[in-house]
N, C-alpha and C. Protein backbone atom coordinates (compact mmCIF):
# COMPACT_ATOMS: atom_id res chain seq x y z
N MET A 1 0.85 -1.20 0.00
CA MET A 1 0.00 0.00 0.00
C MET A 1 0.89 1.25 0.00
N ASP A 2 0.51 2.23 -0.80
CA ASP A 2 1.37 3.42 -0.84
C ASP A 2 1.11 4.34 0.36
N LYS A 3 2.03 5.28 0.56
CA LYS A 3 1.98 6.14 1.76
C LYS A 3 0.72 7.00 1.79
N VAL A 4 0.30 7.45 0.60
CA VAL A 4 -0.86 8.34 0.53
C VAL A 4 -2.11 7.62 1.03
N PHE A 5 -2.33 6.41 0.55
CA PHE A 5 -3.54 5.68 0.96
C PHE A 5 -3.44 5.27 2.43
N ALA A 6 -2.23 4.96 2.88
CA ALA A 6 -2.04 4.62 4.29
C ALA A 6 -2.43 5.81 5.18
N ARG A 7 -2.05 7.02 4.75
CA ARG A 7 -2.39 8.21 5.53
C ARG A 7 -3.91 8.45 5.51
N PHE A 8 -4.52 8.22 4.35
CA PHE A 8 -5.98 8.34 4.23
C PHE A 8 -6.67 7.37 5.21
N LEU A 9 -6.19 6.14 5.28
CA LEU A 9 -6.80 5.15 6.18
C LEU A 9 -6.58 5.50 7.65
N GLU A 10 -5.45 6.14 7.95
CA GLU A 10 -5.22 6.59 9.33
C GLU A 10 -6.31 7.57 9.76
N LYS A 11 -6.70 8.43 8.83
CA LYS A 11 -7.74 9.43 9.13
C LYS A 11 -9.13 8.80 9.20
N PHE A 12 -9.42 7.93 8.24
CA PHE A 12 -10.80 7.46 8.07
C PHE A 12 -11.09 6.10 8.69
N GLY A 13 -10.05 5.30 8.93
CA GLY A 13 -10.28 3.98 9.51
C GLY A 13 -10.61 2.93 8.45
N SER A 14 -10.88 1.72 8.92
CA SER A 14 -11.02 0.60 7.99
C SER A 14 -12.31 0.69 7.17
N PRO A 15 -12.33 0.03 5.99
CA PRO A 15 -13.45 0.16 5.07
C PRO A 15 -14.71 -0.58 5.53
N VAL A 16 -15.85 -0.13 4.99
CA VAL A 16 -17.13 -0.84 5.20
C VAL A 16 -17.75 -1.18 3.84
N ASP A 17 -18.46 -2.29 3.82
CA ASP A 17 -19.24 -2.73 2.66
C ASP A 17 -18.41 -2.71 1.36
N ARG A 18 -17.29 -3.43 1.39
CA ARG A 18 -16.36 -3.43 0.26
C ARG A 18 -16.90 -4.26 -0.89
N GLU A 19 -16.77 -3.70 -2.10
CA GLU A 19 -17.10 -4.45 -3.33
C GLU A 19 -15.82 -4.65 -4.12
N GLU A 20 -15.61 -5.85 -4.60
CA GLU A 20 -14.47 -6.14 -5.47
C GLU A 20 -14.68 -5.44 -6.81
N VAL A 21 -13.63 -4.89 -7.39
CA VAL A 21 -13.74 -4.20 -8.68
C VAL A 21 -13.38 -5.17 -9.80
N PRO A 22 -14.32 -5.43 -10.73
CA PRO A 22 -14.02 -6.38 -11.80
C PRO A 22 -13.01 -5.81 -12.80
N ALA A 23 -12.29 -6.71 -13.45
CA ALA A 23 -11.29 -6.29 -14.45
C ALA A 23 -11.93 -5.44 -15.54
N SER A 24 -13.18 -5.73 -15.88
CA SER A 24 -13.87 -4.98 -16.95
C SER A 24 -14.01 -3.50 -16.58
N SER A 25 -14.19 -3.20 -15.29
CA SER A 25 -14.31 -1.80 -14.86
C SER A 25 -12.96 -1.10 -14.93
N LEU A 26 -11.90 -1.83 -14.59
CA LEU A 26 -10.56 -1.24 -14.68
C LEU A 26 -10.27 -0.88 -16.14
N GLU A 27 -10.65 -1.78 -17.05
CA GLU A 27 -10.41 -1.51 -18.48
C GLU A 27 -11.29 -0.37 -18.99
N ARG A 28 -12.52 -0.34 -18.53
CA ARG A 28 -13.48 0.68 -18.98
C ARG A 28 -12.95 2.10 -18.73
N TYR A 29 -12.27 2.26 -17.59
CA TYR A 29 -11.83 3.61 -17.19
C TYR A 29 -10.35 3.87 -17.42
N ARG A 30 -9.65 2.90 -18.01
CA ARG A 30 -8.23 3.13 -18.31
C ARG A 30 -8.11 4.23 -19.35
N GLY A 31 -7.28 5.24 -19.07
CA GLY A 31 -7.14 6.37 -19.98
C GLY A 31 -8.15 7.48 -19.73
N LYS A 32 -9.19 7.19 -18.94
CA LYS A 32 -10.19 8.22 -18.60
C LYS A 32 -9.98 8.72 -17.17
N LEU A 33 -9.59 7.80 -16.29
CA LEU A 33 -9.31 8.14 -14.90
C LEU A 33 -7.85 7.81 -14.61
N PRO A 34 -7.26 8.42 -13.59
CA PRO A 34 -5.83 8.20 -13.32
C PRO A 34 -5.50 6.73 -13.05
N ASN A 35 -4.36 6.30 -13.55
CA ASN A 35 -3.91 4.93 -13.26
C ASN A 35 -3.83 4.67 -11.77
N GLN A 36 -3.45 5.71 -11.02
CA GLN A 36 -3.32 5.56 -9.57
C GLN A 36 -4.67 5.19 -8.94
N LEU A 37 -5.74 5.79 -9.43
CA LEU A 37 -7.07 5.46 -8.90
C LEU A 37 -7.42 4.01 -9.22
N LEU A 38 -7.12 3.58 -10.45
CA LEU A 38 -7.41 2.19 -10.83
C LEU A 38 -6.61 1.22 -9.96
N GLU A 39 -5.40 1.61 -9.61
CA GLU A 39 -4.59 0.76 -8.71
C GLU A 39 -5.24 0.68 -7.33
N TYR A 40 -5.74 1.82 -6.83
CA TYR A 40 -6.44 1.80 -5.54
C TYR A 40 -7.68 0.91 -5.61
N TRP A 41 -8.42 1.03 -6.72
CA TRP A 41 -9.61 0.17 -6.88
C TRP A 41 -9.21 -1.30 -6.82
N ALA A 42 -8.18 -1.65 -7.57
CA ALA A 42 -7.77 -3.06 -7.66
C ALA A 42 -7.35 -3.58 -6.28
N GLU A 43 -6.68 -2.71 -5.51
CA GLU A 43 -6.18 -3.16 -4.21
C GLU A 43 -7.25 -3.10 -3.12
N HIS A 44 -8.06 -2.05 -3.12
CA HIS A 44 -8.96 -1.80 -1.98
C HIS A 44 -10.45 -1.98 -2.32
N GLY A 45 -10.77 -2.08 -3.61
CA GLY A 45 -12.18 -2.19 -3.98
C GLY A 45 -12.91 -0.86 -3.90
N TRP A 46 -14.21 -0.91 -4.12
CA TRP A 46 -15.08 0.25 -3.89
C TRP A 46 -15.68 0.07 -2.51
N CYS A 47 -15.58 1.07 -1.65
CA CYS A 47 -16.14 0.90 -0.31
C CYS A 47 -16.26 2.23 0.41
N GLY A 48 -16.87 2.15 1.59
CA GLY A 48 -17.03 3.32 2.44
C GLY A 48 -15.92 3.40 3.46
N TYR A 49 -15.64 4.62 3.90
CA TYR A 49 -14.63 4.86 4.93
C TYR A 49 -15.22 5.78 5.98
N GLY A 50 -14.56 5.82 7.16
CA GLY A 50 -15.09 6.66 8.24
C GLY A 50 -16.48 6.22 8.64
N ASN A 51 -16.67 4.88 8.76
CA ASN A 51 -18.00 4.30 9.09
C ASN A 51 -19.06 4.61 8.04
N GLY A 52 -18.59 4.94 6.82
CA GLY A 52 -19.55 5.19 5.74
C GLY A 52 -19.83 6.65 5.47
N ILE A 53 -18.99 7.56 6.02
CA ILE A 53 -19.22 9.00 5.75
C ILE A 53 -18.67 9.39 4.38
N PHE A 54 -17.71 8.60 3.85
CA PHE A 54 -17.08 8.90 2.56
C PHE A 54 -16.91 7.60 1.78
N TRP A 55 -17.26 7.63 0.49
CA TRP A 55 -17.24 6.41 -0.33
C TRP A 55 -16.45 6.62 -1.61
N LEU A 56 -15.60 5.65 -1.94
CA LEU A 56 -15.04 5.56 -3.28
C LEU A 56 -15.97 4.62 -4.05
N VAL A 57 -16.47 5.08 -5.19
CA VAL A 57 -17.60 4.40 -5.83
C VAL A 57 -17.30 3.98 -7.27
N ASN A 58 -18.19 3.15 -7.78
CA ASN A 58 -18.17 2.73 -9.18
C ASN A 58 -18.80 3.84 -10.02
N PRO A 59 -18.02 4.56 -10.82
CA PRO A 59 -18.59 5.68 -11.59
C PRO A 59 -19.72 5.25 -12.53
N GLN A 60 -19.66 4.02 -12.99
CA GLN A 60 -20.68 3.55 -13.94
C GLN A 60 -22.08 3.60 -13.31
N GLU A 61 -22.16 3.29 -12.01
CA GLU A 61 -23.46 3.30 -11.32
C GLU A 61 -24.04 4.71 -11.22
N TYR A 62 -23.16 5.71 -11.34
CA TYR A 62 -23.59 7.10 -11.13
C TYR A 62 -23.62 7.92 -12.42
N GLU A 63 -23.55 7.25 -13.57
CA GLU A 63 -23.58 8.00 -14.84
C GLU A 63 -24.87 8.80 -14.97
N GLY A 64 -25.98 8.21 -14.56
CA GLY A 64 -27.27 8.92 -14.62
C GLY A 64 -27.31 10.11 -13.69
N VAL A 65 -26.66 9.97 -12.53
CA VAL A 65 -26.60 11.07 -11.56
C VAL A 65 -25.80 12.23 -12.15
N VAL A 66 -24.63 11.93 -12.70
CA VAL A 66 -23.78 12.97 -13.29
C VAL A 66 -24.54 13.69 -14.40
N ALA A 67 -25.19 12.90 -15.27
CA ALA A 67 -25.96 13.50 -16.38
C ALA A 67 -27.07 14.40 -15.86
N SER A 68 -27.77 13.96 -14.82
CA SER A 68 -28.91 14.75 -14.34
C SER A 68 -28.46 16.07 -13.72
N TRP A 69 -27.25 16.11 -13.17
CA TRP A 69 -26.76 17.36 -12.58
C TRP A 69 -26.17 18.30 -13.61
N ILE A 70 -25.47 17.76 -14.64
CA ILE A 70 -24.72 18.71 -15.49
C ILE A 70 -25.24 18.84 -16.92
N GLU A 71 -26.17 17.98 -17.33
CA GLU A 71 -26.71 18.14 -18.69
C GLU A 71 -27.36 19.51 -18.84
N GLY A 72 -27.06 20.18 -19.95
CA GLY A 72 -27.66 21.49 -20.19
C GLY A 72 -26.96 22.63 -19.47
N THR A 73 -25.89 22.33 -18.71
CA THR A 73 -25.12 23.41 -18.06
C THR A 73 -23.82 23.62 -18.84
N LYS A 74 -23.12 24.70 -18.50
CA LYS A 74 -21.83 24.97 -19.15
C LYS A 74 -20.80 23.88 -18.84
N LEU A 75 -21.00 23.22 -17.72
CA LEU A 75 -20.05 22.17 -17.32
C LEU A 75 -19.99 21.05 -18.36
N GLU A 76 -21.13 20.82 -18.99
CA GLU A 76 -21.20 19.74 -19.98
C GLU A 76 -20.22 19.96 -21.12
N GLU A 77 -20.03 21.23 -21.49
CA GLU A 77 -19.11 21.54 -22.60
C GLU A 77 -17.66 21.53 -22.13
N ARG A 78 -17.47 21.67 -20.83
CA ARG A 78 -16.13 21.87 -20.29
C ARG A 78 -15.28 20.61 -20.26
N ASP A 79 -15.93 19.48 -19.90
CA ASP A 79 -15.17 18.24 -19.72
C ASP A 79 -16.14 17.07 -19.67
N THR A 80 -15.57 15.86 -19.69
CA THR A 80 -16.35 14.65 -19.45
C THR A 80 -16.06 14.24 -18.01
N TYR A 81 -17.12 14.21 -17.20
CA TYR A 81 -16.94 13.98 -15.76
C TYR A 81 -17.37 12.57 -15.35
N HIS A 82 -16.66 12.04 -14.36
CA HIS A 82 -17.00 10.75 -13.76
C HIS A 82 -17.06 10.94 -12.25
N LEU A 83 -18.10 10.42 -11.63
CA LEU A 83 -18.20 10.50 -10.17
C LEU A 83 -17.29 9.43 -9.58
N ILE A 84 -16.27 9.85 -8.82
CA ILE A 84 -15.35 8.86 -8.25
C ILE A 84 -15.57 8.66 -6.75
N ALA A 85 -16.23 9.63 -6.11
CA ALA A 85 -16.43 9.52 -4.66
C ALA A 85 -17.65 10.33 -4.25
N ARG A 86 -18.21 9.97 -3.09
CA ARG A 86 -19.35 10.74 -2.58
C ARG A 86 -19.37 10.67 -1.07
N GLY A 87 -20.08 11.62 -0.47
CA GLY A 87 -20.23 11.65 0.98
C GLY A 87 -21.57 11.03 1.40
N ALA A 88 -21.71 10.77 2.69
CA ALA A 88 -22.92 10.12 3.21
C ALA A 88 -24.18 10.94 2.99
N PHE A 89 -24.04 12.28 2.96
CA PHE A 89 -25.20 13.15 2.77
C PHE A 89 -25.30 13.66 1.34
N GLY A 90 -24.47 13.13 0.44
CA GLY A 90 -24.63 13.49 -0.97
C GLY A 90 -23.67 14.53 -1.51
N ASP A 91 -22.52 14.71 -0.85
CA ASP A 91 -21.45 15.49 -1.50
C ASP A 91 -20.90 14.64 -2.64
N LEU A 92 -20.77 15.24 -3.83
CA LEU A 92 -20.36 14.49 -5.02
C LEU A 92 -19.01 15.01 -5.51
N TYR A 93 -18.08 14.08 -5.70
CA TYR A 93 -16.73 14.43 -6.15
C TYR A 93 -16.54 13.93 -7.58
N LEU A 94 -16.42 14.86 -8.51
CA LEU A 94 -16.37 14.50 -9.93
C LEU A 94 -14.99 14.73 -10.51
N TRP A 95 -14.54 13.76 -11.29
CA TRP A 95 -13.22 13.82 -11.92
C TRP A 95 -13.41 14.09 -13.40
N GLY A 96 -12.78 15.15 -13.89
CA GLY A 96 -12.84 15.47 -15.31
C GLY A 96 -11.68 14.81 -16.04
N GLU A 97 -11.95 14.28 -17.23
CA GLU A 97 -10.89 13.60 -17.98
C GLU A 97 -9.74 14.54 -18.33
N LYS A 98 -10.06 15.84 -18.51
CA LYS A 98 -9.01 16.82 -18.83
C LYS A 98 -8.60 17.66 -17.62
N THR A 99 -9.52 17.79 -16.65
CA THR A 99 -9.32 18.76 -15.57
C THR A 99 -9.10 18.12 -14.20
N GLY A 100 -9.12 16.79 -14.12
CA GLY A 100 -8.91 16.13 -12.83
C GLY A 100 -10.04 16.43 -11.86
N PHE A 101 -9.69 16.51 -10.56
CA PHE A 101 -10.72 16.83 -9.56
C PHE A 101 -11.02 18.31 -9.64
N SER A 102 -12.00 18.64 -10.46
CA SER A 102 -12.28 20.05 -10.72
C SER A 102 -13.72 20.43 -10.42
N LEU A 103 -14.49 19.50 -9.88
CA LEU A 103 -15.90 19.80 -9.61
C LEU A 103 -16.39 19.04 -8.39
N LYS A 104 -16.91 19.80 -7.42
CA LYS A 104 -17.56 19.18 -6.27
C LYS A 104 -18.98 19.74 -6.18
N ILE A 105 -19.95 18.86 -6.10
CA ILE A 105 -21.35 19.27 -5.99
C ILE A 105 -21.86 18.93 -4.59
N THR A 106 -22.41 19.92 -3.91
CA THR A 106 -23.09 19.69 -2.63
C THR A 106 -24.57 19.55 -2.96
N SER A 107 -25.00 18.30 -3.09
CA SER A 107 -26.33 18.06 -3.69
C SER A 107 -27.48 18.57 -2.82
N VAL A 108 -27.31 18.57 -1.49
CA VAL A 108 -28.45 18.98 -0.65
C VAL A 108 -28.79 20.47 -0.82
N PHE A 109 -27.80 21.27 -1.28
CA PHE A 109 -28.05 22.70 -1.51
C PHE A 109 -28.00 23.07 -2.99
N SER A 110 -27.76 22.09 -3.87
CA SER A 110 -27.60 22.34 -5.30
C SER A 110 -26.55 23.42 -5.57
N ARG A 111 -25.41 23.28 -4.90
CA ARG A 111 -24.29 24.21 -5.04
C ARG A 111 -23.06 23.44 -5.52
N CYS A 112 -22.16 24.14 -6.20
CA CYS A 112 -20.95 23.46 -6.67
C CYS A 112 -19.73 24.36 -6.52
N VAL A 113 -18.57 23.71 -6.45
CA VAL A 113 -17.28 24.39 -6.47
C VAL A 113 -16.56 23.91 -7.72
N ILE A 114 -16.14 24.86 -8.56
CA ILE A 114 -15.47 24.52 -9.82
C ILE A 114 -14.04 25.03 -9.75
N HIS A 115 -13.09 24.16 -10.01
CA HIS A 115 -11.68 24.57 -10.11
C HIS A 115 -11.36 24.67 -11.59
N ASP A 116 -10.88 25.82 -12.00
CA ASP A 116 -10.72 26.07 -13.44
C ASP A 116 -9.29 25.87 -13.89
N PHE A 117 -8.94 24.67 -14.24
CA PHE A 117 -7.60 24.42 -14.79
C PHE A 117 -7.63 23.12 -15.58
N GLU A 118 -6.65 22.97 -16.47
CA GLU A 118 -6.45 21.69 -17.13
C GLU A 118 -5.12 21.15 -16.68
N ILE A 119 -5.03 19.83 -16.57
CA ILE A 119 -3.75 19.23 -16.16
C ILE A 119 -3.33 18.20 -17.19
N THR A 120 -2.04 17.96 -17.24
CA THR A 120 -1.53 16.99 -18.21
C THR A 120 -1.75 15.57 -17.69
N SER A 121 -1.70 14.62 -18.58
CA SER A 121 -1.90 13.22 -18.16
C SER A 121 -0.83 12.79 -17.15
N GLU A 122 0.39 13.38 -17.27
CA GLU A 122 1.45 13.03 -16.32
C GLU A 122 1.11 13.51 -14.90
N GLU A 123 0.33 14.59 -14.81
CA GLU A 123 0.02 15.15 -13.48
C GLU A 123 -1.19 14.48 -12.82
N MET A 124 -1.91 13.66 -13.58
CA MET A 124 -3.17 13.09 -13.07
C MET A 124 -2.98 12.26 -11.80
N ASP A 125 -1.95 11.41 -11.77
CA ASP A 125 -1.76 10.54 -10.60
C ASP A 125 -1.46 11.36 -9.35
N ARG A 126 -0.62 12.39 -9.52
CA ARG A 126 -0.28 13.24 -8.38
C ARG A 126 -1.52 14.01 -7.91
N GLU A 127 -2.29 14.49 -8.85
CA GLU A 127 -3.54 15.20 -8.53
C GLU A 127 -4.49 14.27 -7.76
N LEU A 128 -4.57 13.02 -8.19
CA LEU A 128 -5.45 12.05 -7.54
C LEU A 128 -4.98 11.79 -6.11
N GLN A 129 -3.67 11.66 -5.93
CA GLN A 129 -3.15 11.44 -4.57
C GLN A 129 -3.41 12.66 -3.69
N GLY A 130 -3.30 13.85 -4.29
CA GLY A 130 -3.62 15.07 -3.55
C GLY A 130 -5.08 15.08 -3.12
N PHE A 131 -5.95 14.63 -4.00
CA PHE A 131 -7.39 14.55 -3.69
C PHE A 131 -7.62 13.60 -2.51
N ILE A 132 -7.02 12.41 -2.58
CA ILE A 132 -7.24 11.40 -1.53
C ILE A 132 -6.74 11.89 -0.17
N VAL A 133 -5.53 12.44 -0.18
CA VAL A 133 -4.90 12.79 1.10
C VAL A 133 -5.53 14.03 1.73
N SER A 134 -6.21 14.85 0.92
CA SER A 134 -6.79 16.08 1.49
C SER A 134 -8.25 15.90 1.93
N ARG A 135 -8.79 14.68 1.79
CA ARG A 135 -10.17 14.47 2.29
C ARG A 135 -10.20 14.55 3.81
N ASN A 136 -11.28 15.09 4.33
CA ASN A 136 -11.48 15.15 5.78
C ASN A 136 -12.80 14.50 6.14
N VAL A 137 -12.81 13.82 7.26
CA VAL A 137 -14.04 13.17 7.72
C VAL A 137 -15.15 14.21 7.87
N ASP A 138 -14.84 15.30 8.61
CA ASP A 138 -15.88 16.27 8.97
C ASP A 138 -16.49 16.98 7.77
N SER A 139 -15.72 17.15 6.69
CA SER A 139 -16.24 17.94 5.57
C SER A 139 -17.38 17.24 4.85
N ASN A 140 -17.62 15.95 5.14
CA ASN A 140 -18.74 15.23 4.53
C ASN A 140 -19.95 15.14 5.46
N ASP A 141 -19.86 15.82 6.59
CA ASP A 141 -20.96 15.82 7.57
C ASP A 141 -21.88 17.01 7.28
N VAL A 142 -23.08 16.96 7.78
CA VAL A 142 -24.00 18.11 7.73
C VAL A 142 -24.48 18.35 9.16
N GLU A 143 -24.18 19.52 9.70
CA GLU A 143 -24.64 19.90 11.05
C GLU A 143 -24.28 18.85 12.11
N ASP A 144 -23.13 18.19 11.96
CA ASP A 144 -22.70 17.15 12.92
C ASP A 144 -23.74 16.04 13.12
N LEU A 145 -24.48 15.74 12.06
CA LEU A 145 -25.55 14.75 12.19
C LEU A 145 -25.11 13.32 11.88
N PHE A 146 -23.89 13.14 11.35
CA PHE A 146 -23.53 11.81 10.87
C PHE A 146 -23.57 10.75 11.97
N ASN A 147 -22.87 11.01 13.08
CA ASN A 147 -22.80 9.98 14.13
C ASN A 147 -24.16 9.69 14.77
N PRO A 148 -24.94 10.73 15.13
CA PRO A 148 -26.28 10.42 15.67
C PRO A 148 -27.17 9.69 14.65
N THR A 149 -27.03 10.06 13.37
CA THR A 149 -27.85 9.40 12.34
C THR A 149 -27.45 7.94 12.20
N ARG A 150 -26.15 7.67 12.23
CA ARG A 150 -25.70 6.28 12.10
C ARG A 150 -26.16 5.44 13.29
N ARG A 151 -26.14 6.05 14.48
CA ARG A 151 -26.64 5.32 15.65
C ARG A 151 -28.13 5.02 15.51
N LYS A 152 -28.86 5.97 14.94
CA LYS A 152 -30.32 5.82 14.84
C LYS A 152 -30.72 4.89 13.68
N LEU A 153 -30.08 5.07 12.52
CA LEU A 153 -30.54 4.37 11.30
C LEU A 153 -29.63 3.22 10.87
N GLY A 154 -28.45 3.13 11.48
CA GLY A 154 -27.51 2.07 11.09
C GLY A 154 -26.54 2.54 10.02
N THR A 155 -25.47 1.76 9.83
CA THR A 155 -24.43 2.09 8.85
C THR A 155 -24.98 1.93 7.44
N LEU A 156 -24.54 2.83 6.56
CA LEU A 156 -24.99 2.79 5.16
C LEU A 156 -24.41 1.59 4.42
N ARG A 157 -25.15 1.09 3.43
CA ARG A 157 -24.61 0.16 2.44
C ARG A 157 -24.10 1.00 1.27
N HIS A 158 -23.41 0.32 0.33
CA HIS A 158 -22.75 1.05 -0.77
C HIS A 158 -23.73 1.79 -1.67
N ASP A 159 -25.01 1.36 -1.69
CA ASP A 159 -25.98 2.02 -2.58
C ASP A 159 -26.94 2.93 -1.82
N GLU A 160 -26.57 3.29 -0.58
CA GLU A 160 -27.45 4.12 0.25
C GLU A 160 -26.76 5.41 0.67
N MET A 161 -27.58 6.39 1.04
CA MET A 161 -27.08 7.63 1.63
C MET A 161 -28.09 8.10 2.67
N TYR A 162 -27.73 9.11 3.45
CA TYR A 162 -28.69 9.74 4.36
C TYR A 162 -29.29 10.94 3.64
N GLY A 163 -30.60 10.98 3.57
CA GLY A 163 -31.29 12.07 2.88
C GLY A 163 -32.25 12.79 3.81
N PHE A 164 -32.41 14.09 3.59
CA PHE A 164 -33.37 14.86 4.38
C PHE A 164 -34.73 14.80 3.70
N VAL A 165 -35.75 14.46 4.51
CA VAL A 165 -37.11 14.36 3.99
C VAL A 165 -38.01 15.20 4.89
N PRO A 166 -38.61 16.29 4.35
CA PRO A 166 -38.44 16.81 2.98
C PRO A 166 -37.03 17.37 2.75
N ALA A 167 -36.67 17.46 1.48
CA ALA A 167 -35.34 17.96 1.12
C ALA A 167 -35.14 19.39 1.65
N LEU A 168 -33.89 19.73 1.96
CA LEU A 168 -33.60 21.07 2.49
C LEU A 168 -34.02 22.16 1.51
N MET A 169 -33.91 21.86 0.20
CA MET A 169 -34.30 22.86 -0.81
C MET A 169 -35.81 23.07 -0.86
N LEU A 170 -36.55 22.14 -0.25
CA LEU A 170 -38.02 22.29 -0.20
C LEU A 170 -38.46 22.77 1.18
N GLY A 171 -37.51 23.27 1.96
CA GLY A 171 -37.87 23.81 3.28
C GLY A 171 -37.67 22.83 4.41
N GLY A 172 -37.09 21.66 4.14
CA GLY A 172 -36.79 20.72 5.22
C GLY A 172 -35.74 21.30 6.16
N GLU A 173 -35.66 20.73 7.36
CA GLU A 173 -34.70 21.20 8.37
C GLU A 173 -33.59 20.16 8.51
N PRO A 174 -32.32 20.62 8.69
CA PRO A 174 -31.24 19.67 8.90
C PRO A 174 -31.22 19.17 10.34
N THR A 175 -32.22 18.35 10.70
CA THR A 175 -32.33 17.80 12.05
C THR A 175 -32.41 16.28 11.97
N LEU A 176 -32.09 15.63 13.07
CA LEU A 176 -32.08 14.17 13.12
C LEU A 176 -33.44 13.58 12.77
N ASP A 177 -34.52 14.25 13.18
CA ASP A 177 -35.87 13.75 12.91
C ASP A 177 -36.18 13.67 11.42
N GLN A 178 -35.48 14.49 10.62
CA GLN A 178 -35.82 14.57 9.20
C GLN A 178 -34.85 13.81 8.30
N VAL A 179 -33.96 13.01 8.91
CA VAL A 179 -33.02 12.22 8.09
C VAL A 179 -33.56 10.81 7.92
N GLU A 180 -33.50 10.33 6.69
CA GLU A 180 -33.87 8.94 6.41
C GLU A 180 -32.75 8.28 5.60
N LYS A 181 -32.73 6.95 5.66
CA LYS A 181 -31.80 6.20 4.81
C LYS A 181 -32.49 6.03 3.47
N VAL A 182 -31.84 6.44 2.38
CA VAL A 182 -32.48 6.40 1.05
C VAL A 182 -31.52 5.78 0.04
N LYS A 183 -32.05 5.35 -1.09
CA LYS A 183 -31.22 4.84 -2.18
C LYS A 183 -30.46 6.01 -2.81
N ALA A 184 -29.15 5.89 -2.89
CA ALA A 184 -28.31 7.02 -3.28
C ALA A 184 -28.63 7.53 -4.68
N VAL A 185 -28.62 6.65 -5.67
CA VAL A 185 -28.78 7.10 -7.06
C VAL A 185 -30.12 7.81 -7.25
N GLU A 186 -31.19 7.18 -6.76
CA GLU A 186 -32.54 7.75 -6.95
C GLU A 186 -32.66 9.10 -6.25
N HIS A 187 -32.11 9.17 -5.02
CA HIS A 187 -32.25 10.42 -4.24
C HIS A 187 -31.43 11.54 -4.87
N LEU A 188 -30.23 11.22 -5.35
CA LEU A 188 -29.39 12.25 -5.97
C LEU A 188 -30.01 12.79 -7.25
N ILE A 189 -30.65 11.91 -8.01
CA ILE A 189 -31.34 12.37 -9.23
C ILE A 189 -32.53 13.27 -8.85
N LEU A 190 -33.26 12.86 -7.82
CA LEU A 190 -34.37 13.68 -7.34
C LEU A 190 -33.88 15.08 -6.93
N LEU A 191 -32.80 15.14 -6.16
CA LEU A 191 -32.27 16.43 -5.71
C LEU A 191 -31.87 17.31 -6.90
N SER A 192 -31.34 16.68 -7.95
CA SER A 192 -30.90 17.44 -9.12
C SER A 192 -32.05 18.14 -9.82
N GLN A 193 -33.27 17.65 -9.58
CA GLN A 193 -34.44 18.20 -10.27
C GLN A 193 -35.13 19.31 -9.49
N LEU A 194 -34.66 19.57 -8.27
CA LEU A 194 -35.36 20.53 -7.41
C LEU A 194 -34.94 21.98 -7.65
N SER A 195 -33.69 22.15 -8.08
CA SER A 195 -33.18 23.52 -8.20
C SER A 195 -32.00 23.51 -9.15
N GLU A 196 -31.79 24.64 -9.83
CA GLU A 196 -30.66 24.73 -10.75
C GLU A 196 -29.34 24.71 -9.98
N LEU A 197 -28.36 24.03 -10.54
CA LEU A 197 -27.04 23.98 -9.91
C LEU A 197 -26.36 25.34 -10.02
N GLU A 198 -25.96 25.89 -8.87
CA GLU A 198 -25.32 27.22 -8.85
C GLU A 198 -23.95 27.11 -8.20
N PRO A 199 -22.98 27.91 -8.63
CA PRO A 199 -21.70 27.93 -7.94
C PRO A 199 -21.85 28.59 -6.57
N TYR A 200 -21.05 28.14 -5.60
CA TYR A 200 -20.98 28.83 -4.31
C TYR A 200 -20.44 30.23 -4.53
N ASN A 201 -20.94 31.19 -3.78
CA ASN A 201 -20.37 32.54 -3.79
C ASN A 201 -19.53 32.71 -2.53
N PHE A 202 -18.22 32.57 -2.67
CA PHE A 202 -17.37 32.70 -1.49
C PHE A 202 -17.07 34.18 -1.24
């Protein structure tokens, strides 16, 4: 195991709900995603970390989610994006084939952060390691609800997330009473339809 992933595991702890990555998926994304990421997949699989607060995922399962968020936006012209990771409450980490980790969508608020640069194929692996090592457990939480929610509803499976019902964009409150365990893909597509995706104004 390389030093970067070892440091990531020190922060997040051992994996949950691990799925083996088939050779066909490694081939499907060769040349589209960094070789370093494919090596991590081969060694560690797709799984959750930090008791399920952060997930490295199969991008193929989320193609519909990516399309529903960025179709018809300027982002669509900018790059071809693949969802490589997500948070328990629906933070989405998208990797651009030309721009690397250049887009993060906070689905509960329909907000995004766009990094505007292109990187060379030689820089992709280093960029990917930078992405992995800079993840924080807390940044995937909402209002410190993760631990109480996990105690109440149980640990997530790979196809689940914690969703607010009603959604925050529809006036829901970020409280423990309003969190439910939901199917990730369906819920993320639903959230994409509630409001136009806007950049954060820092």
